[in-house]
Amino acid sequence: MHQEIATFPSNQFYEGKLITSESVKNRLLPPWANDPYFPTICFWDTKRAGHNGAHDFTNADESVFILRRIMTAFVCKYSGATFADDSNNPVSVGIISFYKDQVKSLQEQWKKIPSLKTSEMNVKISTVDGFQGSECDVVILSCVRSRNMKGKNTNSIGFLSDERRMNVALTRAKRSLWVVGDSDVLKANHIWKRLIDHFEREGMLRDGSKQDKFQWETRAK
């Protein structure tokens, strides 16, 4: 993990004992390193977004945001990018969620977007549990839960409150970690509140509902 990615998990789960190796500190920067739209860490706040069906746990707005706003723009610019210090391997991206229904929705939507379907990137869409032991250059975490989701108890954040799962989710990224979720809901949990406060202190808490809309859409064309 990049040092910025490791900071919070180290302090929260490992008593500050995680050490970033010199090989990681000295490796060449990824092609998007100086791109303000694709930082090393970021929390995209999608307050009151999404709607779920009667028998599943999905967030359609979050899926659209991840695939249409983040990934379409990222693929448009960096699909053919490789790493000179990593055997010229293509960029790997993990899109993960705590909920299998959201994973299924993301997989289905991915197939419907030509620019993503034909991308040269190595992309894996999986549950957090299914991603344990894996790593990717970029990890996008879909948190799903939102106060705008009907028929669900939003006073609880379910699987998201599991510290083991949270630790796995936050430690799979090598170069960039982007979390997408509803901060109002997540802050009900003390660890998620610490995480979101951490992103805010780092200047990496962004409004996913409106920030940079024109620039995102321009890059995606």
Protein backbone atom coordinates (compact mmCIF):
# COMPACT_ATOMS: atom_id res chain seq x y z
CA MET A 1 0.00 0.00 0.00
CA HIS A 2 0.95 3.59 -0.62
CA GLN A 3 1.73 5.34 2.67
CA GLU A 4 -1.38 7.51 2.43
CA ILE A 5 -3.55 4.41 2.08
CA ALA A 6 -1.83 2.63 4.96
CA THR A 7 -2.08 5.49 7.46
CA PHE A 8 -5.63 4.97 8.68
CA PRO A 9 -5.61 1.14 8.82
CA SER A 10 -2.27 1.25 10.62
CA ASN A 11 -3.56 3.60 13.31
CA GLN A 12 -7.01 2.00 13.61
CA PHE A 13 -6.29 -1.71 13.35
CA TYR A 14 -2.54 -2.23 13.93
CA GLU A 15 -1.63 0.19 16.74
CA GLY A 16 0.35 2.30 14.28
CA LYS A 17 2.77 -0.54 13.55
CA LEU A 18 2.36 -0.90 9.79
CA ILE A 19 5.59 0.04 8.04
CA THR A 20 5.75 1.04 4.39
CA SER A 21 8.75 -0.61 2.75
CA GLU A 22 11.39 1.40 0.94
CA SER A 23 10.56 -0.41 -2.30
CA VAL A 24 7.01 0.99 -2.12
CA LYS A 25 8.21 4.47 -1.18
CA ASN A 26 10.66 4.50 -4.09
CA ARG A 27 8.56 2.91 -6.82
CA LEU A 28 7.64 4.98 -9.85
CA LEU A 29 4.45 7.00 -9.59
CA PRO A 30 1.36 5.77 -11.49
CA PRO A 31 0.34 7.65 -14.66
CA TRP A 32 -2.49 9.42 -12.78
CA ALA A 33 -0.33 10.53 -9.84
CA ASN A 34 -0.63 14.23 -10.66
CA ASP A 35 -4.23 14.12 -11.84
CA PRO A 36 -6.43 15.94 -9.28
CA TYR A 37 -9.47 13.88 -10.29
CA PHE A 38 -7.80 10.59 -9.34
CA PRO A 39 -5.96 11.12 -6.04
CA THR A 40 -4.27 8.50 -3.87
CA ILE A 41 -7.16 8.51 -1.39
CA CYS A 42 -10.63 9.98 -1.67
CA PHE A 43 -14.09 9.68 -0.13
CA TRP A 44 -16.85 10.54 -2.58
CA ASP A 45 -19.86 11.57 -0.50
CA THR A 46 -23.13 10.54 -2.18
CA LYS A 47 -25.58 11.68 0.49
CA ARG A 48 -29.14 10.40 0.17
CA ALA A 49 -28.39 8.67 -3.12
CA GLY A 50 -29.75 5.38 -4.30
CA HIS A 51 -32.79 3.16 -4.26
CA ASN A 52 -32.99 -0.55 -3.56
CA GLY A 53 -35.49 -3.15 -4.64
CA ALA A 54 -37.78 -4.97 -2.26
CA HIS A 55 -35.61 -8.05 -1.90
CA ASP A 56 -32.05 -6.91 -2.47
CA PHE A 57 -29.50 -4.48 -1.13
CA THR A 58 -28.29 -2.33 -3.99
CA ASN A 59 -27.67 1.35 -4.55
CA ALA A 60 -28.30 2.23 -8.20
CA ASP A 61 -27.06 5.80 -7.91
CA GLU A 62 -23.79 4.61 -6.41
CA SER A 63 -23.36 2.12 -9.25
CA VAL A 64 -23.92 4.88 -11.79
CA PHE A 65 -21.50 7.17 -10.01
CA ILE A 66 -18.77 4.52 -9.89
CA LEU A 67 -19.16 3.26 -13.45
CA ARG A 68 -20.36 6.32 -15.36
CA ARG A 69 -18.49 9.05 -13.50
CA ILE A 70 -15.34 7.51 -12.06
CA MET A 71 -14.53 4.48 -14.20
CA THR A 72 -15.62 5.82 -17.59
CA ALA A 73 -13.44 8.88 -17.09
CA PHE A 74 -10.54 6.84 -15.68
CA VAL A 75 -10.65 4.31 -18.50
CA CYS A 76 -10.92 7.06 -21.11
CA LYS A 77 -7.60 8.50 -20.01
CA TYR A 78 -5.63 5.57 -18.58
CA SER A 79 -6.91 2.40 -20.25
CA GLY A 80 -3.64 1.72 -22.05
CA ALA A 81 -1.41 2.78 -19.19
CA THR A 82 1.24 0.38 -17.85
CA PHE A 83 3.88 0.52 -15.14
CA ALA A 84 7.52 0.66 -16.16
CA ASP A 85 8.52 -0.70 -12.74
CA ASP A 86 6.02 -3.56 -12.80
CA SER A 87 6.78 -5.59 -15.94
CA ASN A 88 4.60 -3.26 -18.00
CA ASN A 89 1.47 -4.83 -16.52
CA PRO A 90 -1.85 -3.09 -17.25
CA VAL A 91 -3.59 -1.13 -14.54
CA SER A 92 -5.61 -3.34 -12.21
CA VAL A 93 -8.84 -2.09 -10.63
CA GLY A 94 -10.93 -3.72 -7.93
CA ILE A 95 -14.52 -2.57 -7.48
CA ILE A 96 -15.76 -4.05 -4.23
CA SER A 97 -18.80 -3.90 -1.98
CA PHE A 98 -19.93 -5.48 1.27
CA TYR A 99 -23.13 -6.64 -0.46
CA LYS A 100 -23.39 -9.37 -3.11
CA ASP A 101 -26.50 -7.74 -4.62
CA GLN A 102 -24.52 -4.57 -5.30
CA VAL A 103 -21.69 -6.60 -6.81
CA LYS A 104 -24.13 -8.36 -9.14
CA SER A 105 -25.64 -5.01 -10.15
CA LEU A 106 -22.21 -3.52 -10.87
CA GLN A 107 -21.22 -6.56 -12.94
CA GLU A 108 -24.40 -6.35 -15.00
CA GLN A 109 -24.06 -2.61 -15.57
CA TRP A 110 -20.38 -2.96 -16.52
CA LYS A 111 -21.31 -5.18 -19.48
CA LYS A 112 -23.68 -2.51 -20.81
CA ILE A 113 -21.00 0.20 -21.12
CA PRO A 114 -18.91 -0.39 -24.27
CA SER A 115 -15.92 1.71 -23.19
CA LEU A 116 -15.61 -0.32 -19.97
CA LYS A 117 -16.32 -3.70 -21.52
CA THR A 118 -13.50 -3.26 -24.05
CA SER A 119 -11.06 -1.63 -21.63
CA GLU A 120 -7.49 -2.92 -21.47
CA MET A 121 -7.52 -2.62 -17.70
CA ASN A 122 -7.60 -5.69 -15.51
CA VAL A 123 -10.86 -5.21 -13.57
CA LYS A 124 -12.35 -7.39 -10.86
CA ILE A 125 -15.78 -6.70 -9.34
CA SER A 126 -16.28 -8.62 -6.11
CA THR A 127 -17.55 -8.66 -2.55
CA VAL A 128 -15.18 -7.56 0.18
CA ASP A 129 -15.10 -11.12 1.51
CA GLY A 130 -14.30 -12.47 -1.96
CA PHE A 131 -11.49 -9.96 -2.36
CA GLN A 132 -9.65 -10.98 0.80
CA GLY A 133 -6.05 -11.86 -0.05
CA SER A 134 -6.22 -9.94 -3.35
CA GLU A 135 -4.79 -6.55 -4.28
CA CYS A 136 -5.17 -4.05 -7.12
CA ASP A 137 -3.55 -0.81 -8.16
CA VAL A 138 -6.87 0.97 -7.62
CA VAL A 139 -9.70 -0.09 -5.35
CA ILE A 140 -13.16 1.51 -5.41
CA LEU A 141 -15.34 0.63 -2.42
CA SER A 142 -19.13 0.92 -2.77
CA CYS A 143 -20.68 1.25 0.70
CA VAL A 144 -24.32 1.06 -0.56
CA ARG A 145 -26.21 2.18 2.55
CA SER A 146 -28.06 5.48 2.30
CA ARG A 147 -30.86 7.22 4.17
CA ASN A 148 -32.71 7.46 0.87
CA MET A 149 -33.02 3.69 0.58
CA LYS A 150 -36.60 2.60 1.26
CA GLY A 151 -37.55 -0.42 3.29
CA LYS A 152 -34.24 -0.74 5.15
CA ASN A 153 -33.21 0.15 8.68
CA THR A 154 -30.68 2.94 8.16
CA ASN A 155 -30.02 3.19 11.91
CA SER A 156 -27.77 0.16 11.42
CA ILE A 157 -24.95 -0.12 8.90
CA GLY A 158 -24.94 -3.93 8.93
CA PHE A 159 -21.84 -5.61 7.48
CA LEU A 160 -20.08 -2.25 7.32
CA SER A 161 -19.70 -2.23 11.11
CA ASP A 162 -17.64 -5.43 11.00
CA GLU A 163 -14.08 -4.27 11.74
CA ARG A 164 -12.50 -7.27 10.01
CA ARG A 165 -14.40 -6.61 6.79
CA MET A 166 -13.64 -2.90 7.02
CA ASN A 167 -9.94 -3.65 7.46
CA VAL A 168 -9.95 -5.93 4.39
CA ALA A 169 -11.79 -3.33 2.31
CA LEU A 170 -9.34 -0.55 3.15
CA THR A 171 -6.14 -2.55 2.63
CA ARG A 172 -6.54 -4.02 -0.87
CA ALA A 173 -5.30 -0.98 -2.85
CA LYS A 174 -1.66 -0.52 -3.83
CA ARG A 175 -1.78 2.95 -5.38
CA SER A 176 -5.25 4.54 -5.00
CA LEU A 177 -8.25 3.96 -2.73
CA TRP A 178 -11.59 5.64 -3.53
CA VAL A 179 -14.52 5.14 -1.17
CA VAL A 180 -18.06 5.95 -2.31
CA GLY A 181 -20.77 6.28 0.34
CA ASP A 182 -23.25 8.33 2.33
CA SER A 183 -21.29 10.05 5.09
CA ASP A 184 -24.41 10.85 7.14
CA VAL A 185 -25.21 7.15 7.46
CA LEU A 186 -21.66 5.90 7.92
CA LYS A 187 -20.79 8.39 10.64
CA ALA A 188 -23.28 6.64 12.93
CA ASN A 189 -20.48 4.12 13.42
CA HIS A 190 -17.48 5.42 15.39
CA ILE A 191 -14.83 3.81 13.18
CA TRP A 192 -16.41 5.03 9.97
CA LYS A 193 -16.65 8.49 11.52
CA ARG A 194 -12.91 8.38 12.22
CA LEU A 195 -12.25 7.31 8.64
CA ILE A 196 -14.39 10.07 7.12
CA ASP A 197 -12.84 12.63 9.47
CA HIS A 198 -9.43 11.37 8.29
CA PHE A 199 -10.37 11.94 4.64
CA GLU A 200 -11.66 15.40 5.52
CA ARG A 201 -8.44 16.36 7.34
CA GLU A 202 -6.49 15.25 4.27
CA GLY A 203 -8.68 17.43 2.05
CA MET A 204 -10.04 14.34 0.29
CA LEU A 205 -13.73 14.43 1.22
CA ARG A 206 -15.62 15.35 -1.95
CA ASP A 207 -19.26 15.99 -2.79
CA GLY A 208 -20.20 13.23 -5.20
CA SER A 209 -23.58 14.75 -6.00
CA LYS A 210 -22.31 17.81 -7.80
CA GLN A 211 -18.57 18.47 -7.57
CA ASP A 212 -16.70 18.70 -10.85
CA LYS A 213 -19.71 17.49 -12.85
CA PHE A 214 -18.69 19.30 -16.02
CA GLN A 215 -15.09 18.14 -15.85
CA TRP A 216 -16.09 14.52 -15.24
CA GLU A 217 -18.51 14.52 -18.15
CA THR A 218 -15.96 16.18 -20.42
CA ARG A 219 -13.31 13.59 -19.59
CA ALA A 220 -15.75 10.75 -20.18
CA LYS A 221 -16.54 11.71 -23.80
